[in-house]
C-alpha atoms as a PDB file:
ATOM      1  CA  UNK A   1      30.118 -12.389 -12.539  1.00  0.00           C
ATOM      2  CA  UNK A   2      29.859 -15.479 -10.657  1.00  0.00           C
ATOM      3  CA  UNK A   3      26.397 -16.554  -9.099  1.00  0.00           C
ATOM      4  CA  UNK A   4      28.108 -17.520  -6.027  1.00  0.00           C
ATOM      5  CA  UNK A   5      29.114 -14.046  -5.325  1.00  0.00           C
ATOM      6  CA  UNK A   6      25.497 -13.069  -5.602  1.00  0.00           C
ATOM      7  CA  UNK A   7      24.778 -15.295  -2.657  1.00  0.00           C
ATOM      8  CA  UNK A   8      23.190 -18.048  -4.878  1.00  0.00           C
ATOM      9  CA  UNK A   9      23.416 -21.398  -3.289  1.00  0.00           C
ATOM     10  CA  UNK A  10      25.612 -23.638  -4.630  1.00  0.00           C
ATOM     11  CA  UNK A  11      23.046 -26.478  -5.203  1.00  0.00           C
ATOM     12  CA  UNK A  12      20.886 -23.645  -7.364  1.00  0.00           C
ATOM     13  CA  UNK A  13      23.966 -23.057  -9.380  1.00  0.00           C
ATOM     14  CA  UNK A  14      24.460 -26.672 -10.104  1.00  0.00           C
ATOM     15  CA  UNK A  15      20.511 -27.014 -11.039  1.00  0.00           C
ATOM     16  CA  UNK A  16      21.066 -23.704 -13.479  1.00  0.00           C
ATOM     17  CA  UNK A  17      23.952 -25.369 -15.324  1.00  0.00           C
ATOM     18  CA  UNK A  18      21.865 -28.532 -15.607  1.00  0.00           C
ATOM     19  CA  UNK A  19      19.340 -26.406 -17.463  1.00  0.00           C
ATOM     20  CA  UNK A  20      16.338 -25.777 -15.215  1.00  0.00           C
ATOM     21  CA  UNK A  21      15.883 -22.481 -16.480  1.00  0.00           C
ATOM     22  CA  UNK A  22      17.310 -20.425 -13.589  1.00  0.00           C
ATOM     23  CA  UNK A  23      19.005 -17.399 -15.509  1.00  0.00           C
ATOM     24  CA  UNK A  24      21.337 -14.746 -14.071  1.00  0.00           C
ATOM     25  CA  UNK A  25      18.127 -12.184 -14.060  1.00  0.00           C
ATOM     26  CA  UNK A  26      16.216 -14.859 -11.773  1.00  0.00           C
ATOM     27  CA  UNK A  27      19.584 -14.738  -9.483  1.00  0.00           C
ATOM     28  CA  UNK A  28      19.782 -10.988  -9.205  1.00  0.00           C
ATOM     29  CA  UNK A  29      16.117 -10.792  -8.776  1.00  0.00           C
ATOM     30  CA  UNK A  30      15.887 -13.411  -6.036  1.00  0.00           C
ATOM     31  CA  UNK A  31      18.964 -11.748  -4.421  1.00  0.00           C
ATOM     32  CA  UNK A  32      17.421  -8.142  -4.239  1.00  0.00           C
ATOM     33  CA  UNK A  33      14.372  -9.537  -2.576  1.00  0.00           C
ATOM     34  CA  UNK A  34      16.796 -11.254  -0.236  1.00  0.00           C
ATOM     35  CA  UNK A  35      18.427  -7.943   0.499  1.00  0.00           C
ATOM     36  CA  UNK A  36      14.873  -6.277   0.592  1.00  0.00           C
ATOM     37  CA  UNK A  37      13.699  -8.530   3.464  1.00  0.00           C
ATOM     38  CA  UNK A  38      16.963  -7.925   5.217  1.00  0.00           C
ATOM     39  CA  UNK A  39      16.688  -4.232   5.225  1.00  0.00           C
ATOM     40  CA  UNK A  40      13.350  -4.669   6.609  1.00  0.00           C
ATOM     41  CA  UNK A  41      14.311  -6.717   9.498  1.00  0.00           C
ATOM     42  CA  UNK A  42      17.092  -4.313  10.108  1.00  0.00           C
ATOM     43  CA  UNK A  43      14.568  -1.156   9.835  1.00  0.00           C
ATOM     44  CA  UNK A  44      12.421  -3.104  12.513  1.00  0.00           C
ATOM     45  CA  UNK A  45      15.455  -3.947  14.861  1.00  0.00           C
ATOM     46  CA  UNK A  46      16.478  -0.153  14.661  1.00  0.00           C
ATOM     47  CA  UNK A  47      12.904   0.874  15.762  1.00  0.00           C
ATOM     48  CA  UNK A  48      12.965  -1.606  18.771  1.00  0.00           C
ATOM     49  CA  UNK A  49      16.434  -0.076  19.592  1.00  0.00           C
ATOM     50  CA  UNK A  50      15.146   3.369  19.139  1.00  0.00           C
ATOM     51  CA  UNK A  51      12.187   2.754  21.437  1.00  0.00           C
ATOM     52  CA  UNK A  52      14.314   0.893  24.232  1.00  0.00           C
ATOM     53  CA  UNK A  53      16.641   3.961  23.934  1.00  0.00           C
ATOM     54  CA  UNK A  54      13.758   6.175  24.643  1.00  0.00           C
ATOM     55  CA  UNK A  55      12.891   4.252  27.614  1.00  0.00           C
ATOM     56  CA  UNK A  56      16.545   4.405  28.949  1.00  0.00           C
ATOM     57  CA  UNK A  57      16.435   8.183  28.657  1.00  0.00           C
ATOM     58  CA  UNK A  58      13.176   8.527  30.394  1.00  0.00           C
ATOM     59  CA  UNK A  59      14.049   6.157  33.474  1.00  0.00           C
ATOM     60  CA  UNK A  60      17.398   6.026  34.983  1.00  0.00           C
ATOM     61  CA  UNK A  61      16.845   2.517  35.592  1.00  0.00           C
ATOM     62  CA  UNK A  62      14.105   0.806  33.769  1.00  0.00           C
ATOM     63  CA  UNK A  63      13.361  -2.650  35.274  1.00  0.00           C
ATOM     64  CA  UNK A  64      13.695  -5.673  33.335  1.00  0.00           C
ATOM     65  CA  UNK A  65       9.958  -6.466  33.042  1.00  0.00           C
ATOM     66  CA  UNK A  66       9.276  -2.786  31.310  1.00  0.00           C
ATOM     67  CA  UNK A  67      11.906  -3.714  28.837  1.00  0.00           C
ATOM     68  CA  UNK A  68      10.311  -6.935  28.161  1.00  0.00           C
ATOM     69  CA  UNK A  69       6.890  -5.413  27.924  1.00  0.00           C
ATOM     70  CA  UNK A  70       8.125  -2.853  25.328  1.00  0.00           C
ATOM     71  CA  UNK A  71       9.331  -5.521  23.189  1.00  0.00           C
ATOM     72  CA  UNK A  72       6.220  -7.380  23.437  1.00  0.00           C
ATOM     73  CA  UNK A  73       4.147  -4.612  22.323  1.00  0.00           C
ATOM     74  CA  UNK A  74       6.556  -4.327  19.439  1.00  0.00           C
ATOM     75  CA  UNK A  75       6.256  -7.786  18.689  1.00  0.00           C
ATOM     76  CA  UNK A  76       2.573  -7.555  18.774  1.00  0.00           C
ATOM     77  CA  UNK A  77       2.560  -4.572  16.348  1.00  0.00           C
ATOM     78  CA  UNK A  78       4.894  -6.244  13.817  1.00  0.00           C
ATOM     79  CA  UNK A  79       2.199  -9.132  13.824  1.00  0.00           C
ATOM     80  CA  UNK A  80      -0.713  -7.206  13.427  1.00  0.00           C
ATOM     81  CA  UNK A  81       0.157  -4.011  11.319  1.00  0.00           C
ATOM     82  CA  UNK A  82       1.602  -3.932   7.967  1.00  0.00           C
ATOM     83  CA  UNK A  83       5.266  -2.262   7.138  1.00  0.00           C
ATOM     84  CA  UNK A  84       3.072   0.531   5.628  1.00  0.00           C
ATOM     85  CA  UNK A  85       0.827   0.948   8.872  1.00  0.00           C
ATOM     86  CA  UNK A  86       3.990   0.806  11.185  1.00  0.00           C
ATOM     87  CA  UNK A  87       5.547   3.358   9.014  1.00  0.00           C
ATOM     88  CA  UNK A  88       1.941   5.473   9.520  1.00  0.00           C
ATOM     89  CA  UNK A  89       1.713   4.833  13.007  1.00  0.00           C
ATOM     90  CA  UNK A  90       5.709   6.124  13.571  1.00  0.00           C
ATOM     91  CA  UNK A  91       4.822   9.300  11.600  1.00  0.00           C
ATOM     92  CA  UNK A  92       1.479   9.729  13.780  1.00  0.00           C
ATOM     93  CA  UNK A  93       3.691   9.139  17.118  1.00  0.00           C
ATOM     94  CA  UNK A  94       6.204  11.805  15.792  1.00  0.00           C
ATOM     95  CA  UNK A  95       3.288  14.049  15.225  1.00  0.00           C
ATOM     96  CA  UNK A  96       1.666  13.722  18.456  1.00  0.00           C
ATOM     97  CA  UNK A  97       4.659  13.815  20.468  1.00  0.00           C
ATOM     98  CA  UNK A  98       5.791  11.395  23.457  1.00  0.00           C
ATOM     99  CA  UNK A  99       4.644  14.123  25.995  1.00  0.00           C
ATOM    100  CA  UNK A 100       0.993  13.774  24.605  1.00  0.00           C
ATOM    101  CA  UNK A 101       0.966  10.012  24.394  1.00  0.00           C
ATOM    102  CA  UNK A 102       2.549   9.788  27.661  1.00  0.00           C
ATOM    103  CA  UNK A 103      -0.328  11.902  29.087  1.00  0.00           C
ATOM    104  CA  UNK A 104      -3.056   9.962  27.338  1.00  0.00           C
ATOM    105  CA  UNK A 105      -1.461   6.718  28.888  1.00  0.00           C
ATOM    106  CA  UNK A 106      -1.840   8.359  32.322  1.00  0.00           C
ATOM    107  CA  UNK A 107      -5.082   9.570  31.727  1.00  0.00           C
ATOM    108  CA  UNK A 108      -6.238   5.801  30.699  1.00  0.00           C
ATOM    109  CA  UNK A 109      -4.324   4.603  33.603  1.00  0.00           C
ATOM    110  CA  UNK A 110      -6.430   6.917  35.870  1.00  0.00           C
ATOM    111  CA  UNK A 111      -9.658   6.062  34.595  1.00  0.00           C
ATOM    112  CA  UNK A 112      -9.328   2.542  34.378  1.00  0.00           C
ATOM    113  CA  UNK A 113      -8.474   2.277  38.037  1.00  0.00           C
ATOM    114  CA  UNK A 114     -11.466   4.479  39.021  1.00  0.00           C
ATOM    115  CA  UNK A 115     -13.393   2.282  36.983  1.00  0.00           C
ATOM    116  CA  UNK A 116     -11.827  -0.723  38.358  1.00  0.00           C
ATOM    117  CA  UNK A 117     -13.017   0.636  41.934  1.00  0.00           C
ATOM    118  CA  UNK A 118     -16.433   1.064  41.253  1.00  0.00           C
ATOM    119  CA  UNK A 119     -16.849  -2.310  39.275  1.00  0.00           C
ATOM    120  CA  UNK A 120     -14.892  -4.125  42.334  1.00  0.00           C
ATOM    121  CA  UNK A 121     -17.292  -2.479  44.743  1.00  0.00           C
ATOM    122  CA  UNK A 122     -20.226  -3.903  42.925  1.00  0.00           C
ATOM    123  CA  UNK A 123     -21.533  -0.637  41.928  1.00  0.00           C
ATOM    124  CA  UNK A 124     -24.239  -0.860  39.438  1.00  0.00           C
ATOM    125  CA  UNK A 125     -23.266   0.243  35.797  1.00  0.00           C
ATOM    126  CA  UNK A 126     -26.252   2.714  35.321  1.00  0.00           C
ATOM    127  CA  UNK A 127     -24.920   4.548  38.737  1.00  0.00           C
ATOM    128  CA  UNK A 128     -24.424   8.131  37.643  1.00  0.00           C
ATOM    129  CA  UNK A 129     -20.798   7.834  38.860  1.00  0.00           C
ATOM    130  CA  UNK A 130     -20.351   5.055  36.571  1.00  0.00           C
ATOM    131  CA  UNK A 131     -22.147   6.650  33.627  1.00  0.00           C
ATOM    132  CA  UNK A 132     -19.943   9.875  33.916  1.00  0.00           C
ATOM    133  CA  UNK A 133     -16.954   7.815  33.796  1.00  0.00           C
ATOM    134  CA  UNK A 134     -18.035   5.786  31.043  1.00  0.00           C
ATOM    135  CA  UNK A 135     -18.824   9.079  28.958  1.00  0.00           C
ATOM    136  CA  UNK A 136     -15.239   9.872  29.894  1.00  0.00           C
ATOM    137  CA  UNK A 137     -14.403   6.463  28.523  1.00  0.00           C
ATOM    138  CA  UNK A 138     -16.251   7.180  25.151  1.00  0.00           C
ATOM    139  CA  UNK A 139     -14.445  10.589  24.726  1.00  0.00           C
ATOM    140  CA  UNK A 140     -10.987   9.138  25.542  1.00  0.00           C
ATOM    141  CA  UNK A 141     -11.404   6.419  23.254  1.00  0.00           C
ATOM    142  CA  UNK A 142     -12.258   8.650  20.464  1.00  0.00           C
ATOM    143  CA  UNK A 143      -9.378  11.074  21.203  1.00  0.00           C
ATOM    144  CA  UNK A 144      -6.959   8.126  21.490  1.00  0.00           C
ATOM    145  CA  UNK A 145      -8.336   6.677  18.167  1.00  0.00           C
ATOM    146  CA  UNK A 146      -8.021   9.917  16.246  1.00  0.00           C
ATOM    147  CA  UNK A 147      -4.560  10.551  17.494  1.00  0.00           C
ATOM    148  CA  UNK A 148      -3.375   6.505  17.044  1.00  0.00           C
ATOM    149  CA  UNK A 149      -4.866   5.978  13.941  1.00  0.00           C
ATOM    150  CA  UNK A 150      -5.391   9.413  12.251  1.00  0.00           C
ATOM    151  CA  UNK A 151      -8.722   7.870  11.207  1.00  0.00           C
ATOM    152  CA  UNK A 152      -6.841   5.146   8.958  1.00  0.00           C
ATOM    153  CA  UNK A 153      -9.702   2.354   8.623  1.00  0.00           C
ATOM    154  CA  UNK A 154      -6.855  -0.260   8.072  1.00  0.00           C
ATOM    155  CA  UNK A 155      -5.061   0.701  11.150  1.00  0.00           C
ATOM    156  CA  UNK A 156      -8.347   0.879  12.948  1.00  0.00           C
ATOM    157  CA  UNK A 157      -9.088  -3.004  12.139  1.00  0.00           C
ATOM    158  CA  UNK A 158      -5.507  -4.122  12.594  1.00  0.00           C
ATOM    159  CA  UNK A 159      -5.921  -2.736  15.862  1.00  0.00           C
ATOM    160  CA  UNK A 160      -9.162  -4.332  16.570  1.00  0.00           C
ATOM    161  CA  UNK A 161      -7.719  -7.698  15.534  1.00  0.00           C
ATOM    162  CA  UNK A 162      -4.796  -7.300  17.564  1.00  0.00           C
ATOM    163  CA  UNK A 163      -7.230  -6.677  20.807  1.00  0.00           C
ATOM    164  CA  UNK A 164      -9.436  -9.734  20.004  1.00  0.00           C
ATOM    165  CA  UNK A 165      -6.581 -12.110  18.955  1.00  0.00           C
ATOM    166  CA  UNK A 166      -4.470 -11.174  22.027  1.00  0.00           C
ATOM    167  CA  UNK A 167      -6.794  -9.802  24.372  1.00  0.00           C
ATOM    168  CA  UNK A 168      -7.457  -6.598  25.964  1.00  0.00           C
ATOM    169  CA  UNK A 169      -5.131  -7.037  29.007  1.00  0.00           C
ATOM    170  CA  UNK A 170      -1.910  -7.957  26.797  1.00  0.00           C
ATOM    171  CA  UNK A 171      -2.937  -5.487  23.829  1.00  0.00           C
ATOM    172  CA  UNK A 172      -3.516  -2.479  26.620  1.00  0.00           C
ATOM    173  CA  UNK A 173      -0.385  -3.555  28.557  1.00  0.00           C
ATOM    174  CA  UNK A 174      -2.398  -4.282  31.369  1.00  0.00           C
ATOM    175  CA  UNK A 175      -4.371  -1.125  31.482  1.00  0.00           C
ATOM    176  CA  UNK A 176      -7.686  -2.917  31.449  1.00  0.00           C
ATOM    177  CA  UNK A 177      -8.956  -6.557  30.994  1.00  0.00           C
ATOM    178  CA  UNK A 178     -11.799  -7.926  29.150  1.00  0.00           C
ATOM    179  CA  UNK A 179     -14.221  -7.677  32.402  1.00  0.00           C
ATOM    180  CA  UNK A 180     -13.793  -4.153  32.766  1.00  0.00           C
ATOM    181  CA  UNK A 181     -14.411  -3.725  28.884  1.00  0.00           C
ATOM    182  CA  UNK A 182     -17.830  -5.491  29.388  1.00  0.00           C
ATOM    183  CA  UNK A 183     -18.360  -3.375  32.612  1.00  0.00           C
ATOM    184  CA  UNK A 184     -17.591  -0.010  30.684  1.00  0.00           C
ATOM    185  CA  UNK A 185     -20.036  -1.486  27.691  1.00  0.00           C
ATOM    186  CA  UNK A 186     -22.760  -2.182  29.953  1.00  0.00           C
ATOM    187  CA  UNK A 187     -22.188   1.443  31.588  1.00  0.00           C
ATOM    188  CA  UNK A 188     -22.417   3.043  28.068  1.00  0.00           C
ATOM    189  CA  UNK A 189     -25.432   1.251  26.961  1.00  0.00           C
ATOM    190  CA  UNK A 190     -27.238   2.102  30.266  1.00  0.00           C
ATOM    191  CA  UNK A 191     -26.297   5.558  29.539  1.00  0.00           C
ATOM    192  CA  UNK A 192     -27.572   5.479  25.807  1.00  0.00           C
END
């Protein structure tokens, strides 16, 4: 069996022939690692294409902006979650179901919009109306985290890192921003 047919670069073959300790076992191991890396890239691409297809099936004509946003979320997930965590998240997504996920996303959008109106109107965070929404925010956070992470501390840590490094607006896909989170935190603190 020729080393070249295993995908070993010609320069590496020359060095092996010169006796640098490179063996057939090393060549096969290196090629197996390269194949595993390529399979991982192919699985990630497959997941991306599946998600895009889901959007296309839900929407007659999604905008370029919607598709771009989906691809950005996938990039962030691949940056902050390990392959094992991504597999867990995918299993959680299947378990929870796309209808429930869409319902929670709508609930977040509605709650955020209500809080933004109060914040923009200058309503004090200790106002009873704000306090009630802040309590709903806390409950929705707990429900979302339980559904999303399944209680896995590693996934929770990765999610927190993504929010910290990417910023809440980008990580939440525009649902809320740092100012709104700060307002909600003040309201929750005032209610405690």
